[in-house]
Amino acid sequence: MPAITPCLWFENNTLEGAAEFYVSVFPNSSVGELHRYTEAGPGTPGDVVYGTFVLDGQRFLAINGSPQPFSEAVSFEVLCADQDEVDHYWDTLTDGGEESQCGWLKDRFGVSWQIVPKRLYELVEHADPAVAAAATAAMLTMRKIVVAELEAAARTA
């Protein structure tokens, strides 16, 4: 089966900084090859035109291009084991970025992420519809997902 590799289009020559930032956030990550413009152009010699990086085993291809802003239509889910992981990824990725709702955020480069604890899925997919509804209602009031608040809502169902 062929490999499927997400490709991100960064603007204003931010690919190299983005790759370095992301590999500092995720374990088992590295910056791969960065290909730079030469005197032949069309960009400024030395600037990165495209490159690769790996985030916890997932390879990404990225290019620098003209302004093409990212949107929430494409996002990356980080499925977290517990609240400590949620806090780590949320706090790190929102630094210079912006919080949204229901575990979504945009990082400083405009890339959208979903920071989701496994417990969220267990509660919103619970066999008891009242528990699922209570957990869903609680999640809808949150920016960063807080497991203790989800569990408290579920207990009231």
N, C-alpha and C. Protein backbone atom coordinates (compact mmCIF):
# COMPACT_ATOMS: atom_id res chain seq x y z
N MET A 1 0.85 -1.18 0.00
CA MET A 1 0.00 0.00 0.00
C MET A 1 0.89 1.24 0.00
N PRO A 2 0.55 2.24 -0.78
CA PRO A 2 1.38 3.45 -0.80
C PRO A 2 1.26 4.22 0.51
N ALA A 3 2.30 4.96 0.82
CA ALA A 3 2.28 5.80 2.02
C ALA A 3 1.46 7.06 1.74
N ILE A 4 0.71 7.49 2.73
CA ILE A 4 -0.04 8.74 2.64
C ILE A 4 0.65 9.73 3.55
N THR A 5 1.09 10.84 2.98
CA THR A 5 1.84 11.84 3.73
C THR A 5 1.12 13.19 3.67
N PRO A 6 0.73 13.74 4.83
CA PRO A 6 0.14 15.08 4.81
C PRO A 6 1.18 16.09 4.32
N CYS A 7 0.72 17.05 3.54
CA CYS A 7 1.58 18.13 3.06
C CYS A 7 1.00 19.45 3.56
N LEU A 8 1.82 20.22 4.23
CA LEU A 8 1.40 21.52 4.76
C LEU A 8 2.05 22.64 3.97
N TRP A 9 1.28 23.66 3.68
CA TRP A 9 1.73 24.81 2.91
C TRP A 9 1.89 25.97 3.87
N PHE A 10 3.12 26.29 4.20
CA PHE A 10 3.40 27.42 5.09
C PHE A 10 3.65 28.67 4.26
N GLU A 11 3.43 29.80 4.87
CA GLU A 11 3.64 31.06 4.16
C GLU A 11 4.75 31.87 4.82
N ASN A 12 5.25 32.84 4.08
CA ASN A 12 6.24 33.79 4.59
C ASN A 12 7.49 33.11 5.15
N ASN A 13 7.93 32.04 4.49
CA ASN A 13 9.18 31.37 4.84
C ASN A 13 9.20 30.88 6.30
N THR A 14 8.08 30.30 6.77
CA THR A 14 7.99 29.84 8.16
C THR A 14 8.14 28.33 8.31
N LEU A 15 8.32 27.59 7.23
CA LEU A 15 8.39 26.13 7.31
C LEU A 15 9.49 25.67 8.26
N GLU A 16 10.69 26.20 8.16
CA GLU A 16 11.80 25.72 8.99
C GLU A 16 11.51 25.94 10.47
N GLY A 17 11.00 27.11 10.83
CA GLY A 17 10.65 27.39 12.22
C GLY A 17 9.52 26.50 12.71
N ALA A 18 8.54 26.25 11.85
CA ALA A 18 7.43 25.37 12.22
C ALA A 18 7.93 23.96 12.47
N ALA A 19 8.74 23.43 11.58
CA ALA A 19 9.26 22.08 11.74
C ALA A 19 10.06 21.95 13.04
N GLU A 20 10.90 22.93 13.33
CA GLU A 20 11.69 22.90 14.57
C GLU A 20 10.79 22.97 15.80
N PHE A 21 9.73 23.79 15.73
CA PHE A 21 8.80 23.88 16.85
C PHE A 21 8.08 22.55 17.06
N TYR A 22 7.52 21.98 16.00
CA TYR A 22 6.75 20.75 16.14
C TYR A 22 7.59 19.60 16.68
N VAL A 23 8.84 19.46 16.21
CA VAL A 23 9.65 18.35 16.71
C VAL A 23 10.05 18.56 18.17
N SER A 24 9.97 19.80 18.66
CA SER A 24 10.23 20.04 20.09
C SER A 24 9.02 19.68 20.95
N VAL A 25 7.84 19.60 20.33
CA VAL A 25 6.60 19.33 21.06
C VAL A 25 6.32 17.84 21.18
N PHE A 26 6.56 17.08 20.12
CA PHE A 26 6.18 15.68 20.07
C PHE A 26 7.39 14.76 20.23
N PRO A 27 7.22 13.64 20.97
CA PRO A 27 8.33 12.69 21.12
C PRO A 27 8.60 11.97 19.80
N ASN A 28 9.77 11.35 19.72
CA ASN A 28 10.14 10.55 18.54
C ASN A 28 9.96 11.33 17.25
N SER A 29 10.46 12.56 17.24
CA SER A 29 10.26 13.45 16.10
C SER A 29 11.60 13.99 15.62
N SER A 30 11.64 14.36 14.36
CA SER A 30 12.88 14.92 13.80
C SER A 30 12.58 15.72 12.54
N VAL A 31 13.45 16.67 12.28
CA VAL A 31 13.40 17.42 11.03
C VAL A 31 14.18 16.59 10.02
N GLY A 32 13.59 16.41 8.86
CA GLY A 32 14.27 15.66 7.79
C GLY A 32 15.08 16.59 6.92
N GLU A 33 14.99 16.37 5.64
CA GLU A 33 15.73 17.21 4.70
C GLU A 33 14.99 18.52 4.46
N LEU A 34 15.75 19.60 4.41
CA LEU A 34 15.21 20.90 4.04
C LEU A 34 15.91 21.31 2.74
N HIS A 35 15.12 21.52 1.71
CA HIS A 35 15.66 21.87 0.40
C HIS A 35 15.55 23.38 0.21
N ARG A 36 16.65 23.99 -0.17
CA ARG A 36 16.72 25.45 -0.24
C ARG A 36 16.84 25.92 -1.69
N TYR A 37 16.35 27.13 -1.91
CA TYR A 37 16.52 27.76 -3.21
C TYR A 37 18.01 27.99 -3.47
N THR A 38 18.38 27.91 -4.71
CA THR A 38 19.75 28.20 -5.13
C THR A 38 19.73 29.52 -5.90
N GLU A 39 20.86 29.87 -6.46
CA GLU A 39 20.95 31.08 -7.29
C GLU A 39 20.02 30.99 -8.50
N ALA A 40 19.60 29.78 -8.86
CA ALA A 40 18.70 29.60 -10.01
C ALA A 40 17.29 30.08 -9.71
N GLY A 41 16.96 30.32 -8.41
CA GLY A 41 15.64 30.83 -8.04
C GLY A 41 14.60 29.74 -8.00
N PRO A 42 13.35 30.08 -8.03
CA PRO A 42 12.82 31.43 -8.18
C PRO A 42 12.80 32.22 -6.87
N GLY A 43 13.06 31.56 -5.74
CA GLY A 43 13.06 32.26 -4.45
C GLY A 43 14.42 32.79 -4.09
N THR A 44 14.50 33.35 -2.90
CA THR A 44 15.76 33.90 -2.40
C THR A 44 16.72 32.77 -2.08
N PRO A 45 17.92 32.80 -2.61
CA PRO A 45 18.88 31.74 -2.33
C PRO A 45 19.06 31.54 -0.82
N GLY A 46 19.01 30.27 -0.40
CA GLY A 46 19.16 29.93 1.01
C GLY A 46 17.84 29.72 1.73
N ASP A 47 16.76 30.33 1.24
CA ASP A 47 15.45 30.12 1.87
C ASP A 47 14.96 28.70 1.57
N VAL A 48 14.25 28.12 2.54
CA VAL A 48 13.71 26.77 2.36
C VAL A 48 12.53 26.82 1.40
N VAL A 49 12.54 25.94 0.41
CA VAL A 49 11.41 25.83 -0.51
C VAL A 49 10.49 24.68 -0.09
N TYR A 50 11.07 23.55 0.32
CA TYR A 50 10.26 22.44 0.83
C TYR A 50 11.14 21.55 1.71
N GLY A 51 10.48 20.71 2.48
CA GLY A 51 11.22 19.81 3.35
C GLY A 51 10.30 18.81 4.01
N THR A 52 10.89 18.00 4.88
CA THR A 52 10.13 16.97 5.57
C THR A 52 10.44 17.03 7.07
N PHE A 53 9.48 16.53 7.84
CA PHE A 53 9.70 16.31 9.26
C PHE A 53 8.82 15.16 9.69
N VAL A 54 9.18 14.55 10.82
CA VAL A 54 8.46 13.40 11.37
C VAL A 54 7.99 13.78 12.76
N LEU A 55 6.69 13.58 13.03
CA LEU A 55 6.12 13.82 14.35
C LEU A 55 5.64 12.50 14.91
N ASP A 56 6.32 12.02 15.92
CA ASP A 56 6.00 10.75 16.58
C ASP A 56 5.72 9.64 15.56
N GLY A 57 6.58 9.54 14.57
CA GLY A 57 6.49 8.48 13.57
C GLY A 57 5.72 8.83 12.31
N GLN A 58 4.96 9.93 12.31
CA GLN A 58 4.18 10.34 11.13
C GLN A 58 5.00 11.33 10.30
N ARG A 59 5.27 10.97 9.06
CA ARG A 59 6.03 11.84 8.16
C ARG A 59 5.13 12.93 7.59
N PHE A 60 5.67 14.13 7.52
CA PHE A 60 4.99 15.28 6.91
C PHE A 60 5.89 15.86 5.83
N LEU A 61 5.28 16.31 4.78
CA LEU A 61 5.95 17.09 3.75
C LEU A 61 5.45 18.52 3.92
N ALA A 62 6.32 19.49 3.71
CA ALA A 62 5.88 20.88 3.86
C ALA A 62 6.57 21.74 2.81
N ILE A 63 5.86 22.80 2.41
CA ILE A 63 6.43 23.74 1.45
C ILE A 63 6.22 25.16 1.97
N ASN A 64 7.10 26.04 1.54
CA ASN A 64 6.90 27.47 1.76
C ASN A 64 6.29 28.02 0.48
N GLY A 65 5.28 28.82 0.62
CA GLY A 65 4.64 29.38 -0.56
C GLY A 65 4.05 30.73 -0.27
N SER A 66 3.26 31.18 -1.19
CA SER A 66 2.56 32.45 -1.01
C SER A 66 1.46 32.27 0.03
N PRO A 67 0.93 33.35 0.54
CA PRO A 67 -0.10 33.22 1.59
C PRO A 67 -1.28 32.35 1.18
N GLN A 68 -1.48 31.30 1.92
CA GLN A 68 -2.61 30.38 1.78
C GLN A 68 -2.97 29.97 3.20
N PRO A 69 -3.80 30.72 3.88
CA PRO A 69 -4.03 30.43 5.30
C PRO A 69 -4.65 29.05 5.52
N PHE A 70 -4.22 28.41 6.62
CA PHE A 70 -4.82 27.15 7.03
C PHE A 70 -6.23 27.44 7.55
N SER A 71 -7.09 26.42 7.55
CA SER A 71 -8.41 26.56 8.15
C SER A 71 -8.72 25.32 8.97
N GLU A 72 -9.80 25.37 9.73
CA GLU A 72 -10.22 24.23 10.54
C GLU A 72 -10.74 23.08 9.68
N ALA A 73 -10.87 23.30 8.38
CA ALA A 73 -11.34 22.22 7.51
C ALA A 73 -10.38 21.04 7.53
N VAL A 74 -9.13 21.29 7.90
CA VAL A 74 -8.15 20.23 8.08
C VAL A 74 -7.50 20.46 9.44
N SER A 75 -7.49 19.41 10.26
CA SER A 75 -6.86 19.52 11.58
C SER A 75 -6.20 18.19 11.91
N PHE A 76 -5.37 18.22 12.95
CA PHE A 76 -4.69 17.02 13.40
C PHE A 76 -5.13 16.72 14.82
N GLU A 77 -5.60 15.50 15.04
CA GLU A 77 -6.04 15.08 16.36
C GLU A 77 -4.86 14.48 17.11
N VAL A 78 -4.68 14.92 18.36
CA VAL A 78 -3.71 14.32 19.25
C VAL A 78 -4.52 13.61 20.33
N LEU A 79 -4.54 12.29 20.26
CA LEU A 79 -5.30 11.49 21.21
C LEU A 79 -4.43 11.27 22.44
N CYS A 80 -4.86 11.82 23.56
CA CYS A 80 -4.05 11.85 24.78
C CYS A 80 -4.52 10.80 25.79
N ALA A 81 -3.55 10.21 26.49
CA ALA A 81 -3.85 9.18 27.48
C ALA A 81 -4.52 9.75 28.72
N ASP A 82 -4.17 10.98 29.09
CA ASP A 82 -4.67 11.53 30.35
C ASP A 82 -4.60 13.06 30.33
N GLN A 83 -5.00 13.67 31.45
CA GLN A 83 -5.04 15.13 31.54
C GLN A 83 -3.65 15.74 31.44
N ASP A 84 -2.63 15.07 31.97
CA ASP A 84 -1.27 15.60 31.87
C ASP A 84 -0.86 15.77 30.41
N GLU A 85 -1.17 14.79 29.58
CA GLU A 85 -0.86 14.92 28.15
C GLU A 85 -1.67 16.02 27.51
N VAL A 86 -2.96 16.10 27.84
CA VAL A 86 -3.80 17.18 27.31
C VAL A 86 -3.18 18.53 27.67
N ASP A 87 -2.83 18.70 28.93
CA ASP A 87 -2.26 19.98 29.38
C ASP A 87 -0.97 20.30 28.64
N HIS A 88 -0.10 19.30 28.49
CA HIS A 88 1.17 19.53 27.79
C HIS A 88 0.95 20.01 26.36
N TYR A 89 0.17 19.26 25.60
CA TYR A 89 -0.02 19.62 24.19
C TYR A 89 -0.82 20.90 24.04
N TRP A 90 -1.83 21.08 24.87
CA TRP A 90 -2.64 22.30 24.80
C TRP A 90 -1.79 23.53 25.11
N ASP A 91 -1.07 23.47 26.22
CA ASP A 91 -0.28 24.63 26.63
C ASP A 91 0.82 24.95 25.63
N THR A 92 1.47 23.93 25.11
CA THR A 92 2.57 24.14 24.18
C THR A 92 2.07 24.65 22.83
N LEU A 93 1.03 24.04 22.31
CA LEU A 93 0.55 24.43 20.97
C LEU A 93 -0.21 25.74 20.97
N THR A 94 -0.82 26.14 22.10
CA THR A 94 -1.50 27.43 22.12
C THR A 94 -0.55 28.59 22.38
N ASP A 95 0.69 28.31 22.77
CA ASP A 95 1.67 29.38 23.00
C ASP A 95 1.91 30.12 21.68
N GLY A 96 1.42 31.33 21.60
CA GLY A 96 1.51 32.10 20.36
C GLY A 96 0.37 31.82 19.40
N GLY A 97 -0.50 30.89 19.78
CA GLY A 97 -1.65 30.54 18.93
C GLY A 97 -2.93 31.02 19.58
N GLU A 98 -4.02 30.30 19.32
CA GLU A 98 -5.29 30.70 19.91
C GLU A 98 -6.16 29.50 20.23
N GLU A 99 -6.85 29.59 21.34
CA GLU A 99 -7.78 28.55 21.75
C GLU A 99 -9.06 28.67 20.95
N SER A 100 -9.70 27.54 20.72
CA SER A 100 -11.02 27.53 20.12
C SER A 100 -11.93 26.81 21.11
N GLN A 101 -12.85 26.00 20.62
CA GLN A 101 -13.79 25.31 21.49
C GLN A 101 -13.66 23.80 21.34
N CYS A 102 -14.10 23.08 22.37
CA CYS A 102 -14.23 21.63 22.32
C CYS A 102 -12.91 20.92 22.03
N GLY A 103 -11.81 21.44 22.58
CA GLY A 103 -10.52 20.81 22.40
C GLY A 103 -9.77 21.23 21.16
N TRP A 104 -10.28 22.18 20.41
CA TRP A 104 -9.62 22.65 19.19
C TRP A 104 -8.78 23.88 19.49
N LEU A 105 -7.69 24.02 18.73
CA LEU A 105 -6.85 25.20 18.84
C LEU A 105 -6.16 25.43 17.51
N LYS A 106 -5.63 26.64 17.35
CA LYS A 106 -4.75 26.96 16.23
C LYS A 106 -3.40 27.32 16.83
N ASP A 107 -2.35 26.73 16.28
CA ASP A 107 -1.02 27.05 16.79
C ASP A 107 -0.52 28.36 16.16
N ARG A 108 0.68 28.76 16.52
CA ARG A 108 1.24 30.03 16.06
C ARG A 108 1.42 30.10 14.55
N PHE A 109 1.36 28.97 13.86
CA PHE A 109 1.49 28.94 12.41
C PHE A 109 0.14 28.85 11.71
N GLY A 110 -0.94 28.78 12.50
CA GLY A 110 -2.28 28.71 11.95
C GLY A 110 -2.80 27.31 11.71
N VAL A 111 -2.03 26.29 12.08
CA VAL A 111 -2.45 24.90 11.91
C VAL A 111 -3.43 24.54 13.03
N SER A 112 -4.51 23.87 12.68
CA SER A 112 -5.53 23.48 13.66
C SER A 112 -5.24 22.10 14.22
N TRP A 113 -5.44 21.98 15.53
CA TRP A 113 -5.21 20.74 16.27
C TRP A 113 -6.42 20.46 17.14
N GLN A 114 -6.69 19.18 17.35
CA GLN A 114 -7.69 18.73 18.31
C GLN A 114 -6.94 17.97 19.39
N ILE A 115 -6.97 18.48 20.60
CA ILE A 115 -6.28 17.85 21.72
C ILE A 115 -7.34 17.13 22.54
N VAL A 116 -7.38 15.80 22.42
CA VAL A 116 -8.50 15.01 22.90
C VAL A 116 -8.05 13.91 23.86
N PRO A 117 -8.57 13.91 25.09
CA PRO A 117 -8.27 12.78 25.97
C PRO A 117 -9.12 11.57 25.56
N LYS A 118 -8.55 10.38 25.67
CA LYS A 118 -9.29 9.15 25.35
C LYS A 118 -10.60 9.08 26.15
N ARG A 119 -10.55 9.59 27.37
CA ARG A 119 -11.72 9.54 28.25
C ARG A 119 -12.92 10.26 27.65
N LEU A 120 -12.69 11.29 26.87
CA LEU A 120 -13.80 12.01 26.22
C LEU A 120 -14.62 11.04 25.37
N TYR A 121 -13.96 10.27 24.53
CA TYR A 121 -14.68 9.33 23.67
C TYR A 121 -15.42 8.27 24.49
N GLU A 122 -14.78 7.80 25.56
CA GLU A 122 -15.44 6.80 26.41
C GLU A 122 -16.74 7.34 26.99
N LEU A 123 -16.75 8.60 27.36
CA LEU A 123 -17.94 9.19 27.99
C LEU A 123 -18.99 9.61 26.97
N VAL A 124 -18.61 10.25 25.87
CA VAL A 124 -19.62 10.70 24.90
C VAL A 124 -20.18 9.54 24.08
N GLU A 125 -19.52 8.38 24.13
CA GLU A 125 -20.02 7.19 23.45
C GLU A 125 -20.53 6.15 24.45
N HIS A 126 -20.79 6.59 25.66
CA HIS A 126 -21.22 5.70 26.75
C HIS A 126 -22.53 5.00 26.39
N ALA A 127 -22.69 3.76 26.86
CA ALA A 127 -23.91 2.99 26.60
C ALA A 127 -25.15 3.63 27.21
N ASP A 128 -24.97 4.34 28.30
CA ASP A 128 -26.09 5.03 28.94
C ASP A 128 -26.25 6.39 28.26
N PRO A 129 -27.36 6.62 27.56
CA PRO A 129 -27.55 7.87 26.83
C PRO A 129 -27.49 9.11 27.72
N ALA A 130 -27.89 8.98 28.98
CA ALA A 130 -27.84 10.13 29.88
C ALA A 130 -26.39 10.52 30.19
N VAL A 131 -25.54 9.53 30.37
CA VAL A 131 -24.11 9.80 30.61
C VAL A 131 -23.50 10.44 29.37
N ALA A 132 -23.79 9.87 28.21
CA ALA A 132 -23.26 10.42 26.96
C ALA A 132 -23.72 11.85 26.75
N ALA A 133 -24.98 12.12 27.02
CA ALA A 133 -25.52 13.48 26.85
C ALA A 133 -24.88 14.46 27.83
N ALA A 134 -24.71 14.03 29.08
CA ALA A 134 -24.11 14.91 30.09
C ALA A 134 -22.65 15.22 29.75
N ALA A 135 -21.92 14.22 29.31
CA ALA A 135 -20.51 14.44 28.93
C ALA A 135 -20.42 15.33 27.70
N THR A 136 -21.30 15.12 26.74
CA THR A 136 -21.30 15.95 25.54
C THR A 136 -21.63 17.40 25.89
N ALA A 137 -22.63 17.59 26.73
CA ALA A 137 -23.01 18.95 27.14
C ALA A 137 -21.84 19.64 27.85
N ALA A 138 -21.15 18.91 28.71
CA ALA A 138 -20.00 19.50 29.41
C ALA A 138 -18.89 19.86 28.42
N MET A 139 -18.60 18.96 27.48
CA MET A 139 -17.56 19.21 26.48
C MET A 139 -17.86 20.46 25.67
N LEU A 140 -19.12 20.67 25.35
CA LEU A 140 -19.50 21.83 24.53
C LEU A 140 -19.28 23.17 25.22
N THR A 141 -19.07 23.16 26.53
CA THR A 141 -18.81 24.41 27.25
C THR A 141 -17.31 24.68 27.40
N MET A 142 -16.48 23.74 27.00
CA MET A 142 -15.04 23.83 27.24
C MET A 142 -14.27 24.35 26.04
N ARG A 143 -13.13 24.93 26.34
CA ARG A 143 -12.10 25.18 25.34
C ARG A 143 -11.15 23.99 25.42
N LYS A 144 -10.24 23.99 26.40
CA LYS A 144 -9.41 22.80 26.66
C LYS A 144 -10.29 21.77 27.35
N ILE A 145 -10.20 20.51 26.93
CA ILE A 145 -10.98 19.45 27.54
C ILE A 145 -10.38 19.11 28.91
N VAL A 146 -11.23 19.12 29.93
CA VAL A 146 -10.81 18.81 31.29
C VAL A 146 -11.53 17.53 31.71
N VAL A 147 -10.76 16.47 31.87
CA VAL A 147 -11.32 15.15 32.16
C VAL A 147 -12.14 15.15 33.44
N ALA A 148 -11.64 15.78 34.50
CA ALA A 148 -12.36 15.79 35.78
C ALA A 148 -13.75 16.42 35.62
N GLU A 149 -13.87 17.45 34.81
CA GLU A 149 -15.17 18.10 34.60
C GLU A 149 -16.10 17.21 33.78
N LEU A 150 -15.56 16.47 32.82
CA LEU A 150 -16.37 15.51 32.07
C LEU A 150 -16.90 14.43 32.98
N GLU A 151 -16.03 13.89 33.82
CA GLU A 151 -16.44 12.82 34.75
C GLU A 151 -17.45 13.32 35.76
N ALA A 152 -17.28 14.56 36.24
CA ALA A 152 -18.24 15.12 37.18
C ALA A 152 -19.63 15.26 36.52
N ALA A 153 -19.64 15.70 35.28
CA ALA A 153 -20.91 15.82 34.55
C ALA A 153 -21.55 14.45 34.36
N ALA A 154 -20.73 13.47 34.02
CA ALA A 154 -21.25 12.11 33.81
C ALA A 154 -21.85 11.53 35.08
N ARG A 155 -21.24 11.83 36.23
CA ARG A 155 -21.75 11.31 37.49
C ARG A 155 -23.12 11.90 37.86
N THR A 156 -23.44 13.08 37.34
CA THR A 156 -24.72 13.70 37.64
C THR A 156 -25.85 13.16 36.77
N ALA A 157 -25.50 12.39 35.76
CA ALA A 157 -26.51 11.88 34.81
C ALA A 157 -27.35 10.78 35.43
